[in-house]
Amino acid sequence: MQLKNLKTNILGKNSIYYKEIDSTQDEVWRLIESNTAPNGTLVMTDIQTQGKGTHGRIWYTDEENNIAFSFFMKLDCHIKKLEGITIEIAKIIVDIFHTQYGISLEIKEPNDIVWNHKKIGGILTETKVALENVKYLVVGIGINTVKENFNEDIKHLATSIKREFKVEVNREDFIAEFCNRFEKEIIKRMGN
């Protein structure tokens, strides 16, 4: 699955699609460890059997056509340059929904996208650091765009774009636009 409308130099130029995988985040780390994928590689999937949230929580991706992807960027910058990056990512996501779909979502710091106090999406930001210099940035994003069925433990805490707004989100267009904005607004200022 290639991302159309991609205007990046690096991010998403190499994209890998899985029908089902344990975790896009884990897969990106495996690619880094094996040194088998170019910088900016993006992994997306329909189903995650062990999707990762923050604090070791599970991110449920058990229905097709929701947004679930992770990517990595090779960096060489001081860790302080990444302060607040998760919020910056959240702002890009919220802005895309607002400008392209007329939907006004909110950010629940540090890493949740919410509507009416219910979680619609989440961001997982991880790094590999050596002597306070970031060598790899790995970002995972999950957004419930069409999810209808929520597990008992989260059904009162989570929702989806389709459920709340009756809007169809084009997954590939959304991911491409996110990549364009992320590379232009965040990576550029890091001097990479």
C-alpha atoms as a PDB file:
ATOM      1  CA  MET A   1       0.000   0.000   0.000  1.00  0.00           C
ATOM      2  CA  GLN A   2       1.738   3.167  -1.191  1.00  0.00           C
ATOM      3  CA  LEU A   3       0.854   6.545   0.241  1.00  0.00           C
ATOM      4  CA  LYS A   4      -0.386   8.891  -2.460  1.00  0.00           C
ATOM      5  CA  ASN A   5      -0.025  12.654  -1.980  1.00  0.00           C
ATOM      6  CA  LEU A   6       3.211  12.148  -0.059  1.00  0.00           C
ATOM      7  CA  LYS A   7       5.468  15.206  -0.352  1.00  0.00           C
ATOM      8  CA  THR A   8       8.178  14.178   2.105  1.00  0.00           C
ATOM      9  CA  ASN A   9      11.875  13.658   1.446  1.00  0.00           C
ATOM     10  CA  ILE A  10      12.201  10.682   3.786  1.00  0.00           C
ATOM     11  CA  LEU A  11       9.208   9.905   5.992  1.00  0.00           C
ATOM     12  CA  GLY A  12       6.860   7.290   4.549  1.00  0.00           C
ATOM     13  CA  LYS A  13       8.777   6.892   1.282  1.00  0.00           C
ATOM     14  CA  ASN A  14       9.218   3.282   2.332  1.00  0.00           C
ATOM     15  CA  SER A  15       5.921   2.003   3.736  1.00  0.00           C
ATOM     16  CA  ILE A  16       5.063  -1.526   4.763  1.00  0.00           C
ATOM     17  CA  TYR A  17       1.473  -2.706   5.086  1.00  0.00           C
ATOM     18  CA  TYR A  18       0.287  -5.699   7.083  1.00  0.00           C
ATOM     19  CA  LYS A  19      -3.212  -7.112   7.175  1.00  0.00           C
ATOM     20  CA  GLU A  20      -2.418  -8.255  10.720  1.00  0.00           C
ATOM     21  CA  ILE A  21       0.623  -7.891  12.986  1.00  0.00           C
ATOM     22  CA  ASP A  22       1.390  -8.028  16.684  1.00  0.00           C
ATOM     23  CA  SER A  23       2.326  -4.351  16.961  1.00  0.00           C
ATOM     24  CA  THR A  24       3.449  -1.754  14.432  1.00  0.00           C
ATOM     25  CA  GLN A  25       5.641  -0.222  17.133  1.00  0.00           C
ATOM     26  CA  ASP A  26       7.367  -3.534  17.854  1.00  0.00           C
ATOM     27  CA  GLU A  27       7.834  -4.135  14.132  1.00  0.00           C
ATOM     28  CA  VAL A  28       9.570  -0.781  13.685  1.00  0.00           C
ATOM     29  CA  TRP A  29      11.959  -1.611  16.539  1.00  0.00           C
ATOM     30  CA  ARG A  30      12.654  -4.982  14.920  1.00  0.00           C
ATOM     31  CA  LEU A  31      13.481  -3.206  11.637  1.00  0.00           C
ATOM     32  CA  ILE A  32      15.855  -0.863  13.468  1.00  0.00           C
ATOM     33  CA  GLU A  33      17.563  -3.726  15.309  1.00  0.00           C
ATOM     34  CA  SER A  34      18.005  -5.751  12.115  1.00  0.00           C
ATOM     35  CA  ASN A  35      19.076  -2.679  10.122  1.00  0.00           C
ATOM     36  CA  THR A  36      16.847  -3.809   7.234  1.00  0.00           C
ATOM     37  CA  ALA A  37      14.809  -0.691   6.480  1.00  0.00           C
ATOM     38  CA  PRO A  38      15.688   2.817   5.315  1.00  0.00           C
ATOM     39  CA  ASN A  39      15.291   5.887   7.463  1.00  0.00           C
ATOM     40  CA  GLY A  40      11.686   7.099   7.596  1.00  0.00           C
ATOM     41  CA  THR A  41      10.150   3.650   7.136  1.00  0.00           C
ATOM     42  CA  LEU A  42       6.481   3.533   8.103  1.00  0.00           C
ATOM     43  CA  VAL A  43       4.574   0.393   9.131  1.00  0.00           C
ATOM     44  CA  MET A  44       0.770   0.332   8.997  1.00  0.00           C
ATOM     45  CA  THR A  45      -1.777  -2.374   9.635  1.00  0.00           C
ATOM     46  CA  ASP A  46      -5.448  -3.241   9.789  1.00  0.00           C
ATOM     47  CA  ILE A  47      -5.282  -5.465  12.861  1.00  0.00           C
ATOM     48  CA  GLN A  48      -2.869  -5.366  15.806  1.00  0.00           C
ATOM     49  CA  THR A  49      -2.997  -8.346  18.141  1.00  0.00           C
ATOM     50  CA  GLN A  50      -0.765  -6.703  20.757  1.00  0.00           C
ATOM     51  CA  GLY A  51      -0.984  -2.986  20.003  1.00  0.00           C
ATOM     52  CA  LYS A  52       0.953  -0.824  22.431  1.00  0.00           C
ATOM     53  CA  GLY A  53      -0.316   2.131  24.378  1.00  0.00           C
ATOM     54  CA  THR A  54       1.510   4.124  27.006  1.00  0.00           C
ATOM     55  CA  HIS A  55       2.364   2.723  30.436  1.00  0.00           C
ATOM     56  CA  GLY A  56       2.252  -0.822  29.061  1.00  0.00           C
ATOM     57  CA  ARG A  57      -1.443  -0.592  28.213  1.00  0.00           C
ATOM     58  CA  ILE A  58      -3.012  -2.329  25.228  1.00  0.00           C
ATOM     59  CA  TRP A  59      -4.175  -0.333  22.189  1.00  0.00           C
ATOM     60  CA  TYR A  60      -7.049  -2.236  20.600  1.00  0.00           C
ATOM     61  CA  THR A  61      -6.907  -2.369  16.793  1.00  0.00           C
ATOM     62  CA  ASP A  62      -9.239  -5.241  16.059  1.00  0.00           C
ATOM     63  CA  GLU A  63     -11.369  -3.880  13.230  1.00  0.00           C
ATOM     64  CA  GLU A  64     -10.224  -2.954   9.716  1.00  0.00           C
ATOM     65  CA  ASN A  65      -9.740   0.555   8.310  1.00  0.00           C
ATOM     66  CA  ASN A  66      -8.844   2.316  11.536  1.00  0.00           C
ATOM     67  CA  ILE A  67      -5.557   4.231  11.605  1.00  0.00           C
ATOM     68  CA  ALA A  68      -2.677   2.275  13.116  1.00  0.00           C
ATOM     69  CA  PHE A  69       0.890   3.044  12.102  1.00  0.00           C
ATOM     70  CA  SER A  70       4.394   3.546  13.434  1.00  0.00           C
ATOM     71  CA  PHE A  71       7.520   4.994  11.884  1.00  0.00           C
ATOM     72  CA  PHE A  72      11.106   5.751  12.726  1.00  0.00           C
ATOM     73  CA  MET A  73      13.474   8.594  12.004  1.00  0.00           C
ATOM     74  CA  LYS A  74      17.238   8.453  12.471  1.00  0.00           C
ATOM     75  CA  LEU A  75      18.287  11.531  14.368  1.00  0.00           C
ATOM     76  CA  ASP A  76      21.389  13.000  15.873  1.00  0.00           C
ATOM     77  CA  CYS A  77      20.179  15.696  18.228  1.00  0.00           C
ATOM     78  CA  HIS A  78      20.192  16.436  21.934  1.00  0.00           C
ATOM     79  CA  ILE A  79      17.271  14.913  23.781  1.00  0.00           C
ATOM     80  CA  LYS A  80      16.111  18.385  24.863  1.00  0.00           C
ATOM     81  CA  LYS A  81      15.145  19.111  21.250  1.00  0.00           C
ATOM     82  CA  LEU A  82      12.408  16.485  21.594  1.00  0.00           C
ATOM     83  CA  GLU A  83      10.750  18.090  24.613  1.00  0.00           C
ATOM     84  CA  GLY A  84       7.053  18.518  23.906  1.00  0.00           C
ATOM     85  CA  ILE A  85       7.171  16.476  20.698  1.00  0.00           C
ATOM     86  CA  THR A  86       4.168  14.322  21.643  1.00  0.00           C
ATOM     87  CA  ILE A  87       2.005  17.422  22.065  1.00  0.00           C
ATOM     88  CA  GLU A  88       3.262  18.786  18.745  1.00  0.00           C
ATOM     89  CA  ILE A  89       2.259  15.499  17.090  1.00  0.00           C
ATOM     90  CA  ALA A  90      -1.158  15.694  18.752  1.00  0.00           C
ATOM     91  CA  LYS A  91      -1.611  19.262  17.464  1.00  0.00           C
ATOM     92  CA  ILE A  92      -0.876  18.135  13.899  1.00  0.00           C
ATOM     93  CA  ILE A  93      -3.456  15.327  14.187  1.00  0.00           C
ATOM     94  CA  VAL A  94      -6.110  17.629  15.645  1.00  0.00           C
ATOM     95  CA  ASP A  95      -5.412  20.245  12.961  1.00  0.00           C
ATOM     96  CA  ILE A  96      -5.761  17.708  10.121  1.00  0.00           C
ATOM     97  CA  PHE A  97      -9.147  16.614  11.447  1.00  0.00           C
ATOM     98  CA  HIS A  98     -10.223  20.239  11.773  1.00  0.00           C
ATOM     99  CA  THR A  99      -9.046  21.499   8.371  1.00  0.00           C
ATOM    100  CA  GLN A 100      -9.947  18.430   6.305  1.00  0.00           C
ATOM    101  CA  TYR A 101     -13.063  17.120   8.049  1.00  0.00           C
ATOM    102  CA  GLY A 102     -14.417  20.058  10.055  1.00  0.00           C
ATOM    103  CA  ILE A 103     -14.051  18.081  13.275  1.00  0.00           C
ATOM    104  CA  SER A 104     -12.827  19.787  16.443  1.00  0.00           C
ATOM    105  CA  LEU A 105     -11.077  17.266  18.667  1.00  0.00           C
ATOM    106  CA  GLU A 106      -9.197  17.989  21.881  1.00  0.00           C
ATOM    107  CA  ILE A 107      -5.833  17.004  23.305  1.00  0.00           C
ATOM    108  CA  LYS A 108      -5.659  15.401  26.712  1.00  0.00           C
ATOM    109  CA  GLU A 109      -2.023  15.778  27.687  1.00  0.00           C
ATOM    110  CA  PRO A 110       0.329  14.193  27.273  1.00  0.00           C
ATOM    111  CA  ASN A 111      -0.717  11.868  24.435  1.00  0.00           C
ATOM    112  CA  ASP A 112      -4.457  11.395  23.936  1.00  0.00           C
ATOM    113  CA  ILE A 113      -6.834  12.708  21.270  1.00  0.00           C
ATOM    114  CA  VAL A 114     -10.316  12.974  22.768  1.00  0.00           C
ATOM    115  CA  TRP A 115     -13.880  14.011  22.047  1.00  0.00           C
ATOM    116  CA  ASN A 116     -16.297  14.737  24.864  1.00  0.00           C
ATOM    117  CA  HIS A 117     -13.854  13.149  27.373  1.00  0.00           C
ATOM    118  CA  LYS A 118     -13.711   9.915  25.363  1.00  0.00           C
ATOM    119  CA  LYS A 119     -10.498   8.707  23.771  1.00  0.00           C
ATOM    120  CA  ILE A 120     -10.379   8.606  19.963  1.00  0.00           C
ATOM    121  CA  GLY A 121      -6.630   8.322  19.456  1.00  0.00           C
ATOM    122  CA  GLY A 122      -3.285   8.002  21.119  1.00  0.00           C
ATOM    123  CA  ILE A 123       0.380   8.661  20.434  1.00  0.00           C
ATOM    124  CA  LEU A 124       3.315   6.587  21.635  1.00  0.00           C
ATOM    125  CA  THR A 125       6.725   8.257  21.348  1.00  0.00           C
ATOM    126  CA  GLU A 126       9.875   6.247  22.062  1.00  0.00           C
ATOM    127  CA  THR A 127      13.563   6.964  21.550  1.00  0.00           C
ATOM    128  CA  LYS A 128      16.938   5.283  21.503  1.00  0.00           C
ATOM    129  CA  VAL A 129      19.423   7.591  23.192  1.00  0.00           C
ATOM    130  CA  ALA A 130      23.207   7.514  23.542  1.00  0.00           C
ATOM    131  CA  LEU A 131      24.920  10.074  25.796  1.00  0.00           C
ATOM    132  CA  GLU A 132      21.869  12.369  25.742  1.00  0.00           C
ATOM    133  CA  ASN A 133      21.798  12.305  21.928  1.00  0.00           C
ATOM    134  CA  VAL A 134      18.742  10.820  20.270  1.00  0.00           C
ATOM    135  CA  LYS A 135      19.712   8.234  17.662  1.00  0.00           C
ATOM    136  CA  TYR A 136      16.228   6.971  16.782  1.00  0.00           C
ATOM    137  CA  LEU A 137      12.781   8.413  17.236  1.00  0.00           C
ATOM    138  CA  VAL A 138       9.932   5.894  16.975  1.00  0.00           C
ATOM    139  CA  VAL A 139       6.368   7.187  16.869  1.00  0.00           C
ATOM    140  CA  GLY A 140       3.204   5.092  16.976  1.00  0.00           C
ATOM    141  CA  ILE A 141      -0.234   6.520  16.261  1.00  0.00           C
ATOM    142  CA  GLY A 142      -3.598   4.845  16.675  1.00  0.00           C
ATOM    143  CA  ILE A 143      -6.888   6.537  15.801  1.00  0.00           C
ATOM    144  CA  ASN A 144     -10.322   4.985  16.011  1.00  0.00           C
ATOM    145  CA  THR A 145     -11.802   6.166  12.751  1.00  0.00           C
ATOM    146  CA  VAL A 146     -14.426   3.471  12.130  1.00  0.00           C
ATOM    147  CA  LYS A 147     -14.274   1.288  15.257  1.00  0.00           C
ATOM    148  CA  GLU A 148     -17.722   0.146  16.387  1.00  0.00           C
ATOM    149  CA  ASN A 149     -17.078  -2.469  19.045  1.00  0.00           C
ATOM    150  CA  PHE A 150     -15.215  -1.575  22.209  1.00  0.00           C
ATOM    151  CA  ASN A 151     -14.080  -3.990  24.897  1.00  0.00           C
ATOM    152  CA  GLU A 152     -16.055  -3.931  28.131  1.00  0.00           C
ATOM    153  CA  ASP A 153     -13.218  -2.255  30.057  1.00  0.00           C
ATOM    154  CA  ILE A 154     -13.006   0.730  27.674  1.00  0.00           C
ATOM    155  CA  LYS A 155     -16.457   1.080  26.106  1.00  0.00           C
ATOM    156  CA  HIS A 156     -17.362   4.052  28.331  1.00  0.00           C
ATOM    157  CA  LEU A 157     -13.920   5.638  27.863  1.00  0.00           C
ATOM    158  CA  ALA A 158     -13.373   5.361  24.099  1.00  0.00           C
ATOM    159  CA  THR A 159     -15.171   6.213  20.869  1.00  0.00           C
ATOM    160  CA  SER A 160     -14.524   6.690  17.156  1.00  0.00           C
ATOM    161  CA  ILE A 161     -14.800   9.348  14.454  1.00  0.00           C
ATOM    162  CA  LYS A 162     -17.520   7.424  12.643  1.00  0.00           C
ATOM    163  CA  ARG A 163     -19.547   6.872  15.797  1.00  0.00           C
ATOM    164  CA  GLU A 164     -19.426  10.518  16.879  1.00  0.00           C
ATOM    165  CA  PHE A 165     -19.409  12.411  13.592  1.00  0.00           C
ATOM    166  CA  LYS A 166     -20.644   9.962  10.904  1.00  0.00           C
ATOM    167  CA  VAL A 167     -17.578  10.947   8.842  1.00  0.00           C
ATOM    168  CA  GLU A 168     -15.519   8.609   6.662  1.00  0.00           C
ATOM    169  CA  VAL A 169     -11.783   9.239   6.983  1.00  0.00           C
ATOM    170  CA  ASN A 170      -9.515   8.176   4.126  1.00  0.00           C
ATOM    171  CA  ARG A 171      -6.765   6.385   6.015  1.00  0.00           C
ATOM    172  CA  GLU A 172      -4.024   6.688   3.376  1.00  0.00           C
ATOM    173  CA  ASP A 173      -4.717  10.377   2.750  1.00  0.00           C
ATOM    174  CA  PHE A 174      -4.656  11.081   6.468  1.00  0.00           C
ATOM    175  CA  ILE A 175      -1.345   9.268   7.022  1.00  0.00           C
ATOM    176  CA  ALA A 176       0.245  10.981   3.999  1.00  0.00           C
ATOM    177  CA  GLU A 177      -0.836  14.416   5.214  1.00  0.00           C
ATOM    178  CA  PHE A 178       0.449  13.626   8.692  1.00  0.00           C
ATOM    179  CA  CYS A 179       3.837  12.603   7.264  1.00  0.00           C
ATOM    180  CA  ASN A 180       4.029  15.779   5.175  1.00  0.00           C
ATOM    181  CA  ARG A 181       3.307  17.959   8.195  1.00  0.00           C
ATOM    182  CA  PHE A 182       5.530  16.022  10.609  1.00  0.00           C
ATOM    183  CA  GLU A 183       8.583  16.185   8.369  1.00  0.00           C
ATOM    184  CA  LYS A 184       8.051  19.854   7.527  1.00  0.00           C
ATOM    185  CA  GLU A 185       7.162  21.131  10.995  1.00  0.00           C
ATOM    186  CA  ILE A 186       9.016  18.881  13.418  1.00  0.00           C
ATOM    187  CA  ILE A 187      11.965  17.112  11.776  1.00  0.00           C
ATOM    188  CA  LYS A 188      13.121  20.201   9.913  1.00  0.00           C
ATOM    189  CA  ARG A 189      13.666  22.201  13.103  1.00  0.00           C
ATOM    190  CA  MET A 190      15.823  19.446  14.561  1.00  0.00           C
ATOM    191  CA  GLY A 191      18.399  19.980  11.863  1.00  0.00           C
ATOM    192  CA  ASN A 192      17.877  16.547  10.324  1.00  0.00           C
END
